[in-house]
Amino acid sequence: MPADPALALAEHVCGTTFAALPASAVSATKRDILDTLGAALGGSVAPGVAELARVVTHWGGREESSLSLTPPNRFSAVWGELGGTSRLIQ
């Protein structure tokens, strides 16, 4: 076993080409990405999301994250993660 398992994993990942990936893994990944984007789009207009965006903007803090699919609001990553339960964070 190598001294650093993380290094062995990183070397394996870096040495893997797209062509070496199984078609089933590529297909599943594409489906999961589309599913995530669809959920984010649907969640962006869910009840309470606009109110949550206003609250976390009001709370303020360091402007280090934003919520996708909303007017440009910037707020701390902690509050952004709270909003991320409703939709994606950029």
C-alpha atoms as a PDB file:
ATOM      1  CA  MET A   1       0.000   0.000   0.000  1.00  0.00           C
ATOM      2  CA  PRO A   2       1.408   3.427  -0.895  1.00  0.00           C
ATOM      3  CA  ALA A   3       2.373   5.775   1.900  1.00  0.00           C
ATOM      4  CA  ASP A   4      -0.337   8.228   0.854  1.00  0.00           C
ATOM      5  CA  PRO A   5      -3.563   6.630  -0.442  1.00  0.00           C
ATOM      6  CA  ALA A   6      -4.865  10.066  -1.519  1.00  0.00           C
ATOM      7  CA  LEU A   7      -1.850  10.477  -3.795  1.00  0.00           C
ATOM      8  CA  ALA A   8      -2.447   7.063  -5.351  1.00  0.00           C
ATOM      9  CA  LEU A   9      -6.088   7.950  -5.982  1.00  0.00           C
ATOM     10  CA  ALA A  10      -5.150  11.363  -7.440  1.00  0.00           C
ATOM     11  CA  GLU A  11      -2.609   9.750  -9.768  1.00  0.00           C
ATOM     12  CA  HIS A  12      -5.198   7.228 -10.929  1.00  0.00           C
ATOM     13  CA  VAL A  13      -7.812   9.915 -11.569  1.00  0.00           C
ATOM     14  CA  CYS A  14      -5.343  12.190 -13.376  1.00  0.00           C
ATOM     15  CA  GLY A  15      -4.201   9.301 -15.539  1.00  0.00           C
ATOM     16  CA  THR A  16      -7.724   8.323 -16.591  1.00  0.00           C
ATOM     17  CA  THR A  17      -8.906   9.534 -19.983  1.00  0.00           C
ATOM     18  CA  PHE A  18     -12.482  10.156 -21.063  1.00  0.00           C
ATOM     19  CA  ALA A  19     -12.176   7.321 -23.572  1.00  0.00           C
ATOM     20  CA  ALA A  20     -11.370   4.919 -20.731  1.00  0.00           C
ATOM     21  CA  LEU A  21     -14.615   5.663 -18.897  1.00  0.00           C
ATOM     22  CA  PRO A  22     -17.372   3.072 -19.256  1.00  0.00           C
ATOM     23  CA  ALA A  23     -20.291   4.273 -21.408  1.00  0.00           C
ATOM     24  CA  SER A  24     -22.654   3.505 -18.523  1.00  0.00           C
ATOM     25  CA  ALA A  25     -20.716   5.885 -16.234  1.00  0.00           C
ATOM     26  CA  VAL A  26     -20.813   8.670 -18.833  1.00  0.00           C
ATOM     27  CA  SER A  27     -24.536   8.150 -19.406  1.00  0.00           C
ATOM     28  CA  ALA A  28     -25.306   8.108 -15.662  1.00  0.00           C
ATOM     29  CA  THR A  29     -23.267  11.265 -15.105  1.00  0.00           C
ATOM     30  CA  LYS A  30     -25.066  13.118 -17.903  1.00  0.00           C
ATOM     31  CA  ARG A  31     -28.430  12.054 -16.472  1.00  0.00           C
ATOM     32  CA  ASP A  32     -27.436  13.176 -12.969  1.00  0.00           C
ATOM     33  CA  ILE A  33     -26.258  16.588 -14.212  1.00  0.00           C
ATOM     34  CA  LEU A  34     -29.519  17.155 -16.106  1.00  0.00           C
ATOM     35  CA  ASP A  35     -31.502  15.993 -13.057  1.00  0.00           C
ATOM     36  CA  THR A  36     -29.625  18.457 -10.814  1.00  0.00           C
ATOM     37  CA  LEU A  37     -30.182  21.349 -13.216  1.00  0.00           C
ATOM     38  CA  GLY A  38     -33.873  20.460 -13.564  1.00  0.00           C
ATOM     39  CA  ALA A  39     -34.317  20.340  -9.794  1.00  0.00           C
ATOM     40  CA  ALA A  40     -32.553  23.702  -9.438  1.00  0.00           C
ATOM     41  CA  LEU A  41     -34.767  25.271 -12.072  1.00  0.00           C
ATOM     42  CA  GLY A  42     -37.935  23.895 -10.497  1.00  0.00           C
ATOM     43  CA  GLY A  43     -36.804  24.791  -6.988  1.00  0.00           C
ATOM     44  CA  SER A  44     -35.987  28.355  -7.960  1.00  0.00           C
ATOM     45  CA  VAL A  45     -39.685  29.225  -8.076  1.00  0.00           C
ATOM     46  CA  ALA A  46     -40.816  27.101  -5.122  1.00  0.00           C
ATOM     47  CA  PRO A  47     -42.830  28.807  -2.378  1.00  0.00           C
ATOM     48  CA  GLY A  48     -40.599  30.630   0.093  1.00  0.00           C
ATOM     49  CA  VAL A  49     -37.457  30.747  -2.048  1.00  0.00           C
ATOM     50  CA  ALA A  50     -37.732  34.467  -2.902  1.00  0.00           C
ATOM     51  CA  GLU A  51     -38.323  35.250   0.762  1.00  0.00           C
ATOM     52  CA  LEU A  52     -35.308  33.167   1.777  1.00  0.00           C
ATOM     53  CA  ALA A  53     -33.130  35.045  -0.737  1.00  0.00           C
ATOM     54  CA  ARG A  54     -34.287  38.378   0.724  1.00  0.00           C
ATOM     55  CA  VAL A  55     -33.580  37.215   4.281  1.00  0.00           C
ATOM     56  CA  VAL A  56     -30.043  35.987   3.617  1.00  0.00           C
ATOM     57  CA  THR A  57     -29.306  39.175   1.650  1.00  0.00           C
ATOM     58  CA  HIS A  58     -30.542  41.219   4.612  1.00  0.00           C
ATOM     59  CA  TRP A  59     -28.357  39.227   7.040  1.00  0.00           C
ATOM     60  CA  GLY A  60     -25.350  40.427   5.061  1.00  0.00           C
ATOM     61  CA  GLY A  61     -21.811  39.246   5.649  1.00  0.00           C
ATOM     62  CA  ARG A  62     -18.939  38.719   3.293  1.00  0.00           C
ATOM     63  CA  GLU A  63     -20.067  38.690  -0.334  1.00  0.00           C
ATOM     64  CA  GLU A  64     -18.598  35.328  -1.338  1.00  0.00           C
ATOM     65  CA  SER A  65     -21.468  33.400  -2.935  1.00  0.00           C
ATOM     66  CA  SER A  66     -24.658  33.902  -4.903  1.00  0.00           C
ATOM     67  CA  LEU A  67     -27.819  31.986  -5.657  1.00  0.00           C
ATOM     68  CA  SER A  68     -28.384  30.968  -9.229  1.00  0.00           C
ATOM     69  CA  LEU A  69     -31.586  31.859 -11.054  1.00  0.00           C
ATOM     70  CA  THR A  70     -32.211  34.994  -8.977  1.00  0.00           C
ATOM     71  CA  PRO A  71     -31.396  38.663  -9.385  1.00  0.00           C
ATOM     72  CA  PRO A  72     -27.761  39.286  -8.455  1.00  0.00           C
ATOM     73  CA  ASN A  73     -27.624  38.801  -4.696  1.00  0.00           C
ATOM     74  CA  ARG A  74     -24.277  38.329  -2.964  1.00  0.00           C
ATOM     75  CA  PHE A  75     -23.906  37.076   0.606  1.00  0.00           C
ATOM     76  CA  SER A  76     -21.738  34.927   2.853  1.00  0.00           C
ATOM     77  CA  ALA A  77     -21.124  31.306   1.899  1.00  0.00           C
ATOM     78  CA  VAL A  78     -22.871  30.165   5.095  1.00  0.00           C
ATOM     79  CA  TRP A  79     -26.112  31.915   4.117  1.00  0.00           C
ATOM     80  CA  GLY A  80     -25.592  30.817   0.520  1.00  0.00           C
ATOM     81  CA  GLU A  81     -25.526  27.205   1.682  1.00  0.00           C
ATOM     82  CA  LEU A  82     -28.809  27.752   3.496  1.00  0.00           C
ATOM     83  CA  GLY A  83     -30.245  28.982   0.209  1.00  0.00           C
ATOM     84  CA  GLY A  84     -28.551  26.080  -1.558  1.00  0.00           C
ATOM     85  CA  THR A  85     -31.010  23.719   0.069  1.00  0.00           C
ATOM     86  CA  SER A  86     -33.515  25.260  -2.343  1.00  0.00           C
ATOM     87  CA  ARG A  87     -31.361  25.617  -5.451  1.00  0.00           C
ATOM     88  CA  LEU A  88     -27.808  25.625  -6.760  1.00  0.00           C
ATOM     89  CA  ILE A  89     -25.099  27.971  -5.553  1.00  0.00           C
ATOM     90  CA  GLN A  90     -22.795  29.406  -8.195  1.00  0.00           C
END
